[in-house]
């Protein structure tokens, strides 16, 4: 019978995952203790710039799609001479 998750011996990956989780929790709780507020202001500004960059790519693609629809016209009829 296979062992349940509770009966298994933890692997190094399990220990590492718990350590990372604990580290993140500690950093989140004590962020004001070791990181200056200026860091967070710059991080917010950088996040905003990344979103604006994404917006500019989306706007450019929308414009290209709209212009492509205007440029296409119905094919012109040509006269074919039948002998």
PDB file of N, CA and C in Angstrom:
ATOM      1  N   UNK A   1       0.849  -1.187   0.000  1.00  0.00           N
ATOM      2  CA  UNK A   1       0.000   0.000   0.000  1.00  0.00           C
ATOM      3  C   UNK A   1       0.893   1.248   0.000  1.00  0.00           C
ATOM      4  N   UNK A   2       0.635   2.222  -0.902  1.00  0.00           N
ATOM      5  CA  UNK A   2       1.472   3.427  -0.942  1.00  0.00           C
ATOM      6  C   UNK A   2       1.284   4.274   0.312  1.00  0.00           C
ATOM      7  N   UNK A   3       2.364   4.943   0.662  1.00  0.00           N
ATOM      8  CA  UNK A   3       2.321   5.808   1.844  1.00  0.00           C
ATOM      9  C   UNK A   3       1.552   7.084   1.527  1.00  0.00           C
ATOM     10  N   UNK A   4       0.854   7.603   2.526  1.00  0.00           N
ATOM     11  CA  UNK A   4       0.165   8.876   2.340  1.00  0.00           C
ATOM     12  C   UNK A   4       1.195   9.995   2.424  1.00  0.00           C
ATOM     13  N   UNK A   5       0.774  11.203   2.056  1.00  0.00           N
ATOM     14  CA  UNK A   5       1.685  12.351   2.094  1.00  0.00           C
ATOM     15  C   UNK A   5       2.227  12.599   3.489  1.00  0.00           C
ATOM     16  N   UNK A   6       1.437  12.295   4.500  1.00  0.00           N
ATOM     17  CA  UNK A   6       1.871  12.527   5.881  1.00  0.00           C
ATOM     18  C   UNK A   6       2.921  11.516   6.312  1.00  0.00           C
ATOM     19  N   UNK A   7       2.878  10.302   5.737  1.00  0.00           N
ATOM     20  CA  UNK A   7       3.805   9.247   6.120  1.00  0.00           C
ATOM     21  C   UNK A   7       5.134   9.323   5.381  1.00  0.00           C
ATOM     22  N   UNK A   8       5.181  10.042   4.255  1.00  0.00           N
ATOM     23  CA  UNK A   8       6.409  10.130   3.474  1.00  0.00           C
ATOM     24  C   UNK A   8       7.454  10.938   4.211  1.00  0.00           C
ATOM     25  N   UNK A   9       8.710  10.554   3.988  1.00  0.00           N
ATOM     26  CA  UNK A   9       9.815  11.327   4.547  1.00  0.00           C
ATOM     27  C   UNK A   9      10.043  12.537   3.648  1.00  0.00           C
ATOM     28  N   UNK A  10      10.158  13.723   4.206  1.00  0.00           N
ATOM     29  CA  UNK A  10      10.326  14.923   3.372  1.00  0.00           C
ATOM     30  C   UNK A  10      11.617  14.861   2.551  1.00  0.00           C
ATOM     31  N   UNK A  11      11.532  15.343   1.323  1.00  0.00           N
ATOM     32  CA  UNK A  11      12.699  15.405   0.447  1.00  0.00           C
ATOM     33  C   UNK A  11      13.370  16.761   0.623  1.00  0.00           C
ATOM     34  N   UNK A  12      14.513  16.920  -0.020  1.00  0.00           N
ATOM     35  CA  UNK A  12      15.192  18.208   0.068  1.00  0.00           C
ATOM     36  C   UNK A  12      14.370  19.293  -0.606  1.00  0.00           C
ATOM     37  N   UNK A  13      13.576  18.902  -1.630  1.00  0.00           N
ATOM     38  CA  UNK A  13      12.721  19.882  -2.295  1.00  0.00           C
ATOM     39  C   UNK A  13      11.645  20.395  -1.344  1.00  0.00           C
ATOM     40  N   UNK A  14      11.115  19.492  -0.530  1.00  0.00           N
ATOM     41  CA  UNK A  14      10.105  19.901   0.466  1.00  0.00           C
ATOM     42  C   UNK A  14      10.702  20.890   1.453  1.00  0.00           C
ATOM     43  N   UNK A  15      11.924  20.593   1.917  1.00  0.00           N
ATOM     44  CA  UNK A  15      12.593  21.490   2.868  1.00  0.00           C
ATOM     45  C   UNK A  15      12.875  22.848   2.228  1.00  0.00           C
ATOM     46  N   UNK A  16      13.329  22.812   0.980  1.00  0.00           N
ATOM     47  CA  UNK A  16      13.623  24.064   0.273  1.00  0.00           C
ATOM     48  C   UNK A  16      12.356  24.888   0.077  1.00  0.00           C
ATOM     49  N   UNK A  17      11.261  24.238  -0.300  1.00  0.00           N
ATOM     50  CA  UNK A  17       9.994  24.952  -0.500  1.00  0.00           C
ATOM     51  C   UNK A  17       9.542  25.615   0.797  1.00  0.00           C
ATOM     52  N   UNK A  18       9.673  24.892   1.915  1.00  0.00           N
ATOM     53  CA  UNK A  18       9.283  25.476   3.204  1.00  0.00           C
ATOM     54  C   UNK A  18      10.191  26.646   3.578  1.00  0.00           C
ATOM     55  N   UNK A  19      11.484  26.506   3.289  1.00  0.00           N
ATOM     56  CA  UNK A  19      12.428  27.585   3.605  1.00  0.00           C
ATOM     57  C   UNK A  19      12.117  28.833   2.783  1.00  0.00           C
ATOM     58  N   UNK A  20      11.827  28.648   1.498  1.00  0.00           N
ATOM     59  CA  UNK A  20      11.494  29.790   0.635  1.00  0.00           C
ATOM     60  C   UNK A  20      10.217  30.459   1.116  1.00  0.00           C
ATOM     61  N   UNK A  21       9.225  29.659   1.470  1.00  0.00           N
ATOM     62  CA  UNK A  21       7.959  30.210   1.962  1.00  0.00           C
ATOM     63  C   UNK A  21       8.185  31.012   3.244  1.00  0.00           C
ATOM     64  N   UNK A  22       8.994  30.467   4.154  1.00  0.00           N
ATOM     65  CA  UNK A  22       9.282  31.165   5.409  1.00  0.00           C
ATOM     66  C   UNK A  22      10.070  32.452   5.153  1.00  0.00           C
ATOM     67  N   UNK A  23      11.012  32.403   4.202  1.00  0.00           N
ATOM     68  CA  UNK A  23      11.804  33.587   3.865  1.00  0.00           C
ATOM     69  C   UNK A  23      10.917  34.691   3.310  1.00  0.00           C
ATOM     70  N   UNK A  24      10.028  34.316   2.380  1.00  0.00           N
ATOM     71  CA  UNK A  24       9.120  35.317   1.809  1.00  0.00           C
ATOM     72  C   UNK A  24       8.225  35.937   2.874  1.00  0.00           C
ATOM     73  N   UNK A  25       7.732  35.097   3.779  1.00  0.00           N
ATOM     74  CA  UNK A  25       6.868  35.601   4.844  1.00  0.00           C
ATOM     75  C   UNK A  25       7.640  36.574   5.730  1.00  0.00           C
ATOM     76  N   UNK A  26       8.864  36.218   6.074  1.00  0.00           N
ATOM     77  CA  UNK A  26       9.699  37.078   6.912  1.00  0.00           C
ATOM     78  C   UNK A  26       9.988  38.411   6.230  1.00  0.00           C
ATOM     79  N   UNK A  27      10.304  38.363   4.941  1.00  0.00           N
ATOM     80  CA  UNK A  27      10.600  39.592   4.209  1.00  0.00           C
ATOM     81  C   UNK A  27       9.369  40.480   4.101  1.00  0.00           C
ATOM     82  N   UNK A  28       8.212  39.849   3.896  1.00  0.00           N
ATOM     83  CA  UNK A  28       6.976  40.621   3.791  1.00  0.00           C
ATOM     84  C   UNK A  28       6.638  41.307   5.108  1.00  0.00           C
ATOM     85  N   UNK A  29       6.814  40.580   6.196  1.00  0.00           N
ATOM     86  CA  UNK A  29       6.474  41.134   7.513  1.00  0.00           C
ATOM     87  C   UNK A  29       7.459  42.204   7.965  1.00  0.00           C
ATOM     88  N   UNK A  30       8.718  42.088   7.573  1.00  0.00           N
ATOM     89  CA  UNK A  30       9.722  43.028   8.073  1.00  0.00           C
ATOM     90  C   UNK A  30      10.242  43.958   6.994  1.00  0.00           C
ATOM     91  N   UNK A  31       9.481  44.133   5.911  1.00  0.00           N
ATOM     92  CA  UNK A  31       9.996  44.911   4.790  1.00  0.00           C
ATOM     93  C   UNK A  31      10.305  46.350   5.182  1.00  0.00           C
ATOM     94  N   UNK A  32       9.535  46.910   6.080  1.00  0.00           N
ATOM     95  CA  UNK A  32       9.790  48.280   6.501  1.00  0.00           C
ATOM     96  C   UNK A  32      11.049  48.423   7.333  1.00  0.00           C
ATOM     97  N   UNK A  33      11.516  47.313   7.871  1.00  0.00           N
ATOM     98  CA  UNK A  33      12.700  47.358   8.721  1.00  0.00           C
ATOM     99  C   UNK A  33      13.998  47.506   7.944  1.00  0.00           C
ATOM    100  N   UNK A  34      14.065  46.956   6.750  1.00  0.00           N
ATOM    101  CA  UNK A  34      15.354  46.955   6.057  1.00  0.00           C
ATOM    102  C   UNK A  34      15.314  47.551   4.653  1.00  0.00           C
ATOM    103  N   UNK A  35      14.132  47.797   4.104  1.00  0.00           N
ATOM    104  CA  UNK A  35      14.047  48.415   2.781  1.00  0.00           C
ATOM    105  C   UNK A  35      13.524  49.839   2.902  1.00  0.00           C
ATOM    106  N   UNK A  36      14.223  50.802   2.303  1.00  0.00           N
ATOM    107  CA  UNK A  36      13.764  52.192   2.391  1.00  0.00           C
ATOM    108  C   UNK A  36      12.498  52.407   1.554  1.00  0.00           C
ATOM    109  N   UNK A  37      11.713  53.365   1.929  1.00  0.00           N
ATOM    110  CA  UNK A  37      10.473  53.680   1.212  1.00  0.00           C
ATOM    111  C   UNK A  37      10.770  54.081  -0.228  1.00  0.00           C
ATOM    112  N   UNK A  38      11.919  54.695  -0.467  1.00  0.00           N
ATOM    113  CA  UNK A  38      12.300  55.092  -1.819  1.00  0.00           C
ATOM    114  C   UNK A  38      12.344  53.880  -2.756  1.00  0.00           C
ATOM    115  N   UNK A  39      12.769  52.738  -2.240  1.00  0.00           N
ATOM    116  CA  UNK A  39      12.785  51.508  -3.040  1.00  0.00           C
ATOM    117  C   UNK A  39      11.394  51.202  -3.566  1.00  0.00           C
ATOM    118  N   UNK A  40      10.396  51.291  -2.705  1.00  0.00           N
ATOM    119  CA  UNK A  40       9.032  50.965  -3.105  1.00  0.00           C
ATOM    120  C   UNK A  40       8.473  51.990  -4.080  1.00  0.00           C
ATOM    121  N   UNK A  41       8.873  53.257  -3.925  1.00  0.00           N
ATOM    122  CA  UNK A  41       8.442  54.286  -4.868  1.00  0.00           C
ATOM    123  C   UNK A  41       9.011  53.995  -6.260  1.00  0.00           C
ATOM    124  N   UNK A  42      10.283  53.617  -6.328  1.00  0.00           N
ATOM    125  CA  UNK A  42      10.891  53.283  -7.618  1.00  0.00           C
ATOM    126  C   UNK A  42      10.265  52.021  -8.203  1.00  0.00           C
ATOM    127  N   UNK A  43       9.970  51.052  -7.343  1.00  0.00           N
ATOM    128  CA  UNK A  43       9.367  49.807  -7.829  1.00  0.00           C
ATOM    129  C   UNK A  43       7.985  50.078  -8.414  1.00  0.00           C
ATOM    130  N   UNK A  44       7.196  50.931  -7.748  1.00  0.00           N
ATOM    131  CA  UNK A  44       5.876  51.288  -8.274  1.00  0.00           C
ATOM    132  C   UNK A  44       6.005  51.998  -9.619  1.00  0.00           C
ATOM    133  N   UNK A  45       6.961  52.929  -9.717  1.00  0.00           N
ATOM    134  CA  UNK A  45       7.162  53.663 -10.975  1.00  0.00           C
ATOM    135  C   UNK A  45       7.597  52.714 -12.089  1.00  0.00           C
ATOM    136  N   UNK A  46       8.473  51.773 -11.775  1.00  0.00           N
ATOM    137  CA  UNK A  46       8.919  50.806 -12.789  1.00  0.00           C
ATOM    138  C   UNK A  46       7.764  49.922 -13.239  1.00  0.00           C
ATOM    139  N   UNK A  47       6.929  49.522 -12.312  1.00  0.00           N
ATOM    140  CA  UNK A  47       5.761  48.702 -12.653  1.00  0.00           C
ATOM    141  C   UNK A  47       4.828  49.480 -13.578  1.00  0.00           C
ATOM    142  N   UNK A  48       4.611  50.749 -13.272  1.00  0.00           N
ATOM    143  CA  UNK A  48       3.761  51.585 -14.117  1.00  0.00           C
ATOM    144  C   UNK A  48       4.353  51.705 -15.516  1.00  0.00           C
ATOM    145  N   UNK A  49       5.666  51.892 -15.619  1.00  0.00           N
ATOM    146  CA  UNK A  49       6.315  52.015 -16.931  1.00  0.00           C
ATOM    147  C   UNK A  49       6.182  50.730 -17.744  1.00  0.00           C
ATOM    148  N   UNK A  50       6.280  49.588 -17.088  1.00  0.00           N
ATOM    149  CA  UNK A  50       6.112  48.317 -17.799  1.00  0.00           C
ATOM    150  C   UNK A  50       4.686  48.196 -18.338  1.00  0.00           C
ATOM    151  N   UNK A  51       3.710  48.608 -17.549  1.00  0.00           N
ATOM    152  CA  UNK A  51       2.326  48.570 -18.014  1.00  0.00           C
ATOM    153  C   UNK A  51       2.108  49.535 -19.173  1.00  0.00           C
ATOM    154  N   UNK A  52       2.714  50.711 -19.102  1.00  0.00           N
ATOM    155  CA  UNK A  52       2.598  51.670 -20.207  1.00  0.00           C
ATOM    156  C   UNK A  52       3.258  51.136 -21.479  1.00  0.00           C
ATOM    157  N   UNK A  53       4.378  50.444 -21.318  1.00  0.00           N
ATOM    158  CA  UNK A  53       5.045  49.845 -22.483  1.00  0.00           C
ATOM    159  C   UNK A  53       4.137  48.797 -23.121  1.00  0.00           C
ATOM    160  N   UNK A  54       3.503  47.979 -22.298  1.00  0.00           N
ATOM    161  CA  UNK A  54       2.578  46.967 -22.824  1.00  0.00           C
ATOM    162  C   UNK A  54       1.409  47.638 -23.531  1.00  0.00           C
ATOM    163  N   UNK A  55       0.917  48.733 -22.955  1.00  0.00           N
ATOM    164  CA  UNK A  55      -0.197  49.459 -23.576  1.00  0.00           C
ATOM    165  C   UNK A  55       0.197  49.987 -24.946  1.00  0.00           C
ATOM    166  N   UNK A  56       1.429  50.500 -25.059  1.00  0.00           N
ATOM    167  CA  UNK A  56       1.853  51.050 -26.352  1.00  0.00           C
ATOM    168  C   UNK A  56       1.938  49.952 -27.411  1.00  0.00           C
ATOM    169  N   UNK A  57       2.377  48.750 -27.013  1.00  0.00           N
ATOM    170  CA  UNK A  57       2.404  47.639 -27.970  1.00  0.00           C
ATOM    171  C   UNK A  57       0.997  47.260 -28.416  1.00  0.00           C
ATOM    172  N   UNK A  58       0.078  47.208 -27.474  1.00  0.00           N
ATOM    173  CA  UNK A  58      -1.307  46.857 -27.791  1.00  0.00           C
ATOM    174  C   UNK A  58      -1.937  47.921 -28.681  1.00  0.00           C
ATOM    175  N   UNK A  59      -1.722  49.200 -28.342  1.00  0.00           N
ATOM    176  CA  UNK A  59      -2.274  50.282 -29.159  1.00  0.00           C
ATOM    177  C   UNK A  59      -1.722  50.238 -30.587  1.00  0.00           C
ATOM    178  N   UNK A  60      -0.425  49.952 -30.736  1.00  0.00           N
ATOM    179  CA  UNK A  60       0.175  49.883 -32.070  1.00  0.00           C
ATOM    180  C   UNK A  60      -0.434  48.739 -32.878  1.00  0.00           C
ATOM    181  N   UNK A  61      -0.658  47.610 -32.242  1.00  0.00           N
ATOM    182  CA  UNK A  61      -1.251  46.469 -32.945  1.00  0.00           C
ATOM    183  C   UNK A  61      -2.693  46.774 -33.349  1.00  0.00           C
ATOM    184  N   UNK A  62      -3.446  47.410 -32.470  1.00  0.00           N
ATOM    185  CA  UNK A  62      -4.830  47.784 -32.795  1.00  0.00           C
ATOM    186  C   UNK A  62      -4.842  48.731 -33.995  1.00  0.00           C
ATOM    187  N   UNK A  63      -3.970  49.725 -34.004  1.00  0.00           N
ATOM    188  CA  UNK A  63      -3.887  50.675 -35.114  1.00  0.00           C
ATOM    189  C   UNK A  63      -3.542  49.950 -36.409  1.00  0.00           C
ATOM    190  N   UNK A  64      -2.601  49.011 -36.341  1.00  0.00           N
ATOM    191  CA  UNK A  64      -2.216  48.262 -37.535  1.00  0.00           C
ATOM    192  C   UNK A  64      -3.391  47.453 -38.077  1.00  0.00           C
ATOM    193  N   UNK A  65      -4.150  46.827 -37.189  1.00  0.00           N
ATOM    194  CA  UNK A  65      -5.316  46.043 -37.607  1.00  0.00           C
ATOM    195  C   UNK A  65      -6.371  46.949 -38.237  1.00  0.00           C
ATOM    196  N   UNK A  66      -6.626  48.104 -37.614  1.00  0.00           N
ATOM    197  CA  UNK A  66      -7.623  49.034 -38.151  1.00  0.00           C
ATOM    198  C   UNK A  66      -7.208  49.556 -39.523  1.00  0.00           C
ATOM    199  N   UNK A  67      -5.946  49.890 -39.687  1.00  0.00           N
ATOM    200  CA  UNK A  67      -5.465  50.411 -40.977  1.00  0.00           C
ATOM    201  C   UNK A  67      -5.458  49.329 -42.043  1.00  0.00           C
ATOM    202  N   UNK A  68      -5.195  48.115 -41.681  1.00  0.00           N
ATOM    203  CA  UNK A  68      -5.191  47.014 -42.649  1.00  0.00           C
ATOM    204  C   UNK A  68      -6.591  46.814 -43.214  1.00  0.00           C
ATOM    205  N   UNK A  69      -7.599  46.995 -42.412  1.00  0.00           N
ATOM    206  CA  UNK A  69      -8.973  46.849 -42.872  1.00  0.00           C
ATOM    207  C   UNK A  69      -9.366  47.949 -43.838  1.00  0.00           C
ATOM    208  N   UNK A  70      -8.818  49.142 -43.678  1.00  0.00           N
ATOM    209  CA  UNK A  70      -9.139  50.266 -44.554  1.00  0.00           C
ATOM    210  C   UNK A  70      -8.427  50.149 -45.898  1.00  0.00           C
ATOM    211  N   UNK A  71      -7.224  49.590 -45.892  1.00  0.00           N
ATOM    212  CA  UNK A  71      -6.434  49.517 -47.112  1.00  0.00           C
ATOM    213  C   UNK A  71      -6.959  48.473 -48.080  1.00  0.00           C
ATOM    214  N   UNK A  72      -7.534  47.418 -47.588  1.00  0.00           N
ATOM    215  CA  UNK A  72      -8.024  46.361 -48.464  1.00  0.00           C
ATOM    216  C   UNK A  72      -9.320  46.800 -49.123  1.00  0.00           C
ATOM    217  N   UNK A  73      -9.341  46.688 -50.423  1.00  0.00           N
ATOM    218  CA  UNK A  73     -10.545  47.014 -51.185  1.00  0.00           C
ATOM    219  C   UNK A  73     -10.900  45.814 -52.033  1.00  0.00           C
ATOM    220  N   UNK A  74     -12.053  45.836 -52.607  1.00  0.00           N
ATOM    221  CA  UNK A  74     -12.484  44.735 -53.464  1.00  0.00           C
ATOM    222  C   UNK A  74     -11.583  44.678 -54.685  1.00  0.00           C
ATOM    223  N   UNK A  75     -11.310  43.484 -55.157  1.00  0.00           N
ATOM    224  CA  UNK A  75     -10.451  43.384 -56.344  1.00  0.00           C
ATOM    225  C   UNK A  75     -11.132  44.037 -57.543  1.00  0.00           C
ATOM    226  N   UNK A  76     -10.315  44.687 -58.358  1.00  0.00           N
ATOM    227  CA  UNK A  76     -10.858  45.376 -59.528  1.00  0.00           C
ATOM    228  C   UNK A  76     -11.127  44.374 -60.637  1.00  0.00           C
ATOM    229  N   UNK A  77     -12.178  44.618 -61.358  1.00  0.00           N
ATOM    230  CA  UNK A  77     -12.533  43.745 -62.470  1.00  0.00           C
ATOM    231  C   UNK A  77     -11.590  44.010 -63.629  1.00  0.00           C
ATOM    232  N   UNK A  78     -11.212  42.968 -64.302  1.00  0.00           N
ATOM    233  CA  UNK A  78     -10.372  43.108 -65.503  1.00  0.00           C
ATOM    234  C   UNK A  78     -11.124  42.531 -66.701  1.00  0.00           C
ATOM    235  N   UNK A  79     -10.875  43.122 -67.835  1.00  0.00           N
ATOM    236  CA  UNK A  79     -11.561  42.682 -69.056  1.00  0.00           C
ATOM    237  C   UNK A  79     -10.689  41.595 -69.711  1.00  0.00           C
ATOM    238  N   UNK A  80     -11.315  40.477 -69.987  1.00  0.00           N
ATOM    239  CA  UNK A  80     -10.623  39.372 -70.637  1.00  0.00           C
ATOM    240  C   UNK A  80     -11.199  39.246 -72.049  1.00  0.00           C
ATOM    241  N   UNK A  81     -10.323  39.251 -72.995  1.00  0.00           N
ATOM    242  CA  UNK A  81     -10.741  39.162 -74.387  1.00  0.00           C
ATOM    243  C   UNK A  81     -10.863  37.675 -74.751  1.00  0.00           C
ATOM    244  N   UNK A  82     -12.021  37.266 -75.209  1.00  0.00           N
ATOM    245  CA  UNK A  82     -12.270  35.873 -75.603  1.00  0.00           C
ATOM    246  C   UNK A  82     -12.331  35.820 -77.113  1.00  0.00           C
ATOM    247  N   UNK A  83     -11.613  34.923 -77.733  1.00  0.00           N
ATOM    248  CA  UNK A  83     -11.610  34.820 -79.193  1.00  0.00           C
ATOM    249  C   UNK A  83     -12.454  33.690 -79.663  1.00  0.00           C
TER     250      UNK A  83
END
